[in-house]
Amino acid sequence: MAIDANRIYQHYGKEKDLKAIKSGEIKSVDFLIGTEEDLKELTADMAGFGTKQSQRVIIDYDKDYGYFIAKRIPMEYGT
């Protein structure tokens, strides 16, 4: 069974993310969709994105929906 990534991203706020990008609030959003069974494993490593850069990782999980989405927003926090 194929995952309908667009439908799942819509469920978890695609329009809000697009609005934030268009307004310049954020530069981009990468996302990863996983099944409920994958949640624990993927969140152990910054939701599968690793730690190579500063980032905000948001994990949205709707119990019994069947899927979760992990969004990564690259950040430039400065030092």
N, C-alpha and C. Protein backbone atom coordinates (compact mmCIF):
# COMPACT_ATOMS: atom_id res chain seq x y z
N MET A 1 0.84 -1.19 0.00
CA MET A 1 0.00 0.00 0.00
C MET A 1 0.88 1.24 0.00
N ALA A 2 0.66 2.14 -0.92
CA ALA A 2 1.45 3.36 -1.05
C ALA A 2 0.97 4.41 -0.04
N ILE A 3 1.92 5.15 0.48
CA ILE A 3 1.60 6.24 1.41
C ILE A 3 1.26 7.48 0.59
N ASP A 4 0.16 8.12 0.91
CA ASP A 4 -0.24 9.36 0.26
C ASP A 4 0.35 10.52 1.07
N ALA A 5 1.60 10.87 0.76
CA ALA A 5 2.34 11.87 1.53
C ALA A 5 1.62 13.22 1.54
N ASN A 6 1.04 13.62 0.44
CA ASN A 6 0.35 14.91 0.39
C ASN A 6 -0.83 14.93 1.35
N ARG A 7 -1.62 13.87 1.36
CA ARG A 7 -2.78 13.79 2.25
C ARG A 7 -2.35 13.82 3.71
N ILE A 8 -1.29 13.11 4.03
CA ILE A 8 -0.80 13.08 5.41
C ILE A 8 -0.25 14.44 5.81
N TYR A 9 0.53 15.08 4.92
CA TYR A 9 1.08 16.40 5.22
C TYR A 9 -0.06 17.42 5.38
N GLN A 10 -1.10 17.32 4.56
CA GLN A 10 -2.27 18.19 4.71
C GLN A 10 -2.86 18.03 6.12
N HIS A 11 -2.97 16.80 6.57
CA HIS A 11 -3.52 16.50 7.90
C HIS A 11 -2.71 17.20 9.00
N TYR A 12 -1.41 17.30 8.79
CA TYR A 12 -0.52 17.85 9.81
C TYR A 12 -0.07 19.30 9.54
N GLY A 13 -0.79 20.05 8.73
CA GLY A 13 -0.54 21.48 8.63
C GLY A 13 0.27 21.98 7.46
N LYS A 14 0.15 21.37 6.31
CA LYS A 14 0.89 21.80 5.13
C LYS A 14 0.64 23.27 4.80
N GLU A 15 -0.61 23.70 4.84
CA GLU A 15 -0.93 25.08 4.48
C GLU A 15 -0.27 26.08 5.43
N LYS A 16 -0.22 25.76 6.70
CA LYS A 16 0.43 26.64 7.68
C LYS A 16 1.93 26.75 7.38
N ASP A 17 2.56 25.64 7.04
CA ASP A 17 3.99 25.65 6.72
C ASP A 17 4.25 26.48 5.46
N LEU A 18 3.43 26.30 4.43
CA LEU A 18 3.60 27.07 3.20
C LEU A 18 3.45 28.57 3.46
N LYS A 19 2.50 28.93 4.29
CA LYS A 19 2.30 30.34 4.64
C LYS A 19 3.53 30.90 5.36
N ALA A 20 4.12 30.13 6.28
CA ALA A 20 5.31 30.58 7.01
C ALA A 20 6.50 30.75 6.07
N ILE A 21 6.62 29.90 5.08
CA ILE A 21 7.71 30.01 4.09
C ILE A 21 7.49 31.26 3.23
N LYS A 22 6.28 31.43 2.73
CA LYS A 22 5.98 32.58 1.87
C LYS A 22 6.18 33.91 2.59
N SER A 23 5.90 33.95 3.89
CA SER A 23 6.04 35.18 4.66
C SER A 23 7.49 35.45 5.06
N GLY A 24 8.37 34.47 4.87
CA GLY A 24 9.77 34.63 5.24
C GLY A 24 10.05 34.28 6.69
N GLU A 25 9.05 33.82 7.41
CA GLU A 25 9.22 33.42 8.80
C GLU A 25 10.23 32.27 8.93
N ILE A 26 10.16 31.34 7.99
CA ILE A 26 11.12 30.23 7.92
C ILE A 26 11.57 30.08 6.48
N LYS A 27 12.75 29.45 6.30
CA LYS A 27 13.28 29.27 4.94
C LYS A 27 12.73 28.02 4.26
N SER A 28 12.58 26.95 5.04
CA SER A 28 12.13 25.70 4.43
C SER A 28 11.66 24.74 5.51
N VAL A 29 11.00 23.69 5.05
CA VAL A 29 10.58 22.60 5.94
C VAL A 29 10.87 21.30 5.21
N ASP A 30 11.66 20.46 5.84
CA ASP A 30 11.82 19.09 5.36
C ASP A 30 10.90 18.25 6.23
N PHE A 31 10.37 17.19 5.69
CA PHE A 31 9.54 16.35 6.55
C PHE A 31 9.75 14.89 6.24
N LEU A 32 9.44 14.10 7.23
CA LEU A 32 9.55 12.66 7.13
C LEU A 32 8.24 12.09 7.68
N ILE A 33 7.66 11.18 6.96
CA ILE A 33 6.43 10.54 7.40
C ILE A 33 6.77 9.11 7.80
N GLY A 34 6.24 8.70 8.93
CA GLY A 34 6.46 7.34 9.38
C GLY A 34 5.19 6.76 9.96
N THR A 35 5.20 5.48 10.14
CA THR A 35 4.06 4.82 10.77
C THR A 35 4.21 4.88 12.28
N GLU A 36 3.12 4.65 12.97
CA GLU A 36 3.16 4.68 14.43
C GLU A 36 4.23 3.73 14.97
N GLU A 37 4.42 2.61 14.31
CA GLU A 37 5.41 1.63 14.77
C GLU A 37 6.84 2.17 14.67
N ASP A 38 7.10 3.12 13.78
CA ASP A 38 8.44 3.68 13.57
C ASP A 38 8.76 4.83 14.51
N LEU A 39 7.78 5.35 15.21
CA LEU A 39 7.93 6.59 15.98
C LEU A 39 9.09 6.54 16.97
N LYS A 40 9.15 5.52 17.79
CA LYS A 40 10.18 5.44 18.83
C LYS A 40 11.58 5.39 18.22
N GLU A 41 11.76 4.57 17.21
CA GLU A 41 13.08 4.42 16.58
C GLU A 41 13.54 5.72 15.92
N LEU A 42 12.68 6.38 15.19
CA LEU A 42 13.07 7.59 14.47
C LEU A 42 13.32 8.77 15.39
N THR A 43 12.57 8.89 16.46
CA THR A 43 12.75 10.03 17.35
C THR A 43 14.03 9.91 18.16
N ALA A 44 14.64 8.77 18.21
CA ALA A 44 15.89 8.60 18.94
C ALA A 44 17.05 9.32 18.26
N ASP A 45 16.94 9.66 16.99
CA ASP A 45 18.01 10.35 16.25
C ASP A 45 17.44 11.59 15.57
N MET A 46 16.99 12.56 16.37
CA MET A 46 16.41 13.80 15.85
C MET A 46 15.39 13.50 14.75
N ALA A 47 14.55 12.54 15.03
CA ALA A 47 13.46 12.15 14.13
C ALA A 47 13.97 11.72 12.76
N GLY A 48 15.16 11.16 12.72
CA GLY A 48 15.71 10.64 11.47
C GLY A 48 16.52 11.64 10.68
N PHE A 49 16.63 12.89 11.13
CA PHE A 49 17.36 13.91 10.39
C PHE A 49 18.82 14.04 10.84
N GLY A 50 19.18 13.45 11.96
CA GLY A 50 20.55 13.55 12.45
C GLY A 50 20.82 14.87 13.14
N THR A 51 22.09 15.10 13.47
CA THR A 51 22.46 16.30 14.23
C THR A 51 23.55 17.10 13.53
N LYS A 52 23.55 17.12 12.22
CA LYS A 52 24.61 17.80 11.46
C LYS A 52 24.44 19.31 11.37
N GLN A 53 23.28 19.84 11.74
CA GLN A 53 23.07 21.28 11.67
C GLN A 53 22.05 21.69 12.73
N SER A 54 22.04 22.98 13.05
CA SER A 54 21.04 23.51 13.97
C SER A 54 19.67 23.39 13.32
N GLN A 55 18.70 22.95 14.09
CA GLN A 55 17.40 22.69 13.51
C GLN A 55 16.33 22.64 14.59
N ARG A 56 15.13 22.90 14.17
CA ARG A 56 13.96 22.69 15.03
C ARG A 56 13.26 21.47 14.46
N VAL A 57 13.01 20.50 15.31
CA VAL A 57 12.31 19.30 14.88
C VAL A 57 10.97 19.25 15.61
N ILE A 58 9.91 19.17 14.84
CA ILE A 58 8.55 19.12 15.39
C ILE A 58 7.96 17.77 15.00
N ILE A 59 7.51 17.06 15.99
CA ILE A 59 6.89 15.77 15.73
C ILE A 59 5.41 15.89 16.03
N ASP A 60 4.60 15.69 15.02
CA ASP A 60 3.15 15.70 15.19
C ASP A 60 2.66 14.26 15.13
N TYR A 61 1.90 13.90 16.13
CA TYR A 61 1.40 12.54 16.24
C TYR A 61 -0.06 12.57 16.63
N ASP A 62 -0.90 11.99 15.82
CA ASP A 62 -2.33 11.91 16.06
C ASP A 62 -2.65 10.44 16.33
N LYS A 63 -2.86 10.12 17.60
CA LYS A 63 -3.06 8.73 18.01
C LYS A 63 -4.12 8.05 17.14
N ASP A 64 -3.80 6.88 16.70
CA ASP A 64 -4.66 6.03 15.88
C ASP A 64 -4.88 6.54 14.45
N TYR A 65 -4.19 7.62 14.04
CA TYR A 65 -4.26 8.07 12.64
C TYR A 65 -3.48 7.11 11.74
N GLY A 66 -2.46 6.48 12.34
CA GLY A 66 -1.67 5.52 11.58
C GLY A 66 -0.31 6.06 11.17
N TYR A 67 -0.18 7.37 11.09
CA TYR A 67 1.07 8.00 10.67
C TYR A 67 1.40 9.17 11.57
N PHE A 68 2.68 9.48 11.62
CA PHE A 68 3.12 10.71 12.27
C PHE A 68 3.95 11.46 11.24
N ILE A 69 4.21 12.73 11.51
CA ILE A 69 5.09 13.50 10.64
C ILE A 69 6.12 14.19 11.51
N ALA A 70 7.36 14.14 11.07
CA ALA A 70 8.44 14.86 11.74
C ALA A 70 8.89 15.94 10.76
N LYS A 71 8.83 17.18 11.22
CA LYS A 71 9.22 18.31 10.37
C LYS A 71 10.54 18.88 10.89
N ARG A 72 11.43 19.19 9.96
CA ARG A 72 12.69 19.82 10.33
C ARG A 72 12.75 21.19 9.69
N ILE A 73 13.02 22.18 10.51
CA ILE A 73 13.17 23.54 10.03
C ILE A 73 14.61 23.96 10.34
N PRO A 74 15.44 24.16 9.31
CA PRO A 74 16.81 24.61 9.57
C PRO A 74 16.81 25.94 10.33
N MET A 75 17.67 26.07 11.32
CA MET A 75 17.71 27.27 12.14
C MET A 75 19.12 27.86 12.12
N GLU A 76 19.17 29.15 12.28
CA GLU A 76 20.45 29.86 12.40
C GLU A 76 20.38 30.63 13.71
N TYR A 77 20.69 29.94 14.81
CA TYR A 77 20.57 30.53 16.12
C TYR A 77 21.66 31.55 16.42
N GLY A 78 22.83 31.41 15.79
CA GLY A 78 23.95 32.29 16.12
C GLY A 78 24.62 31.83 17.40
N THR A 79 25.77 32.42 17.68
CA THR A 79 26.47 32.04 18.91
C THR A 79 26.84 33.26 19.71
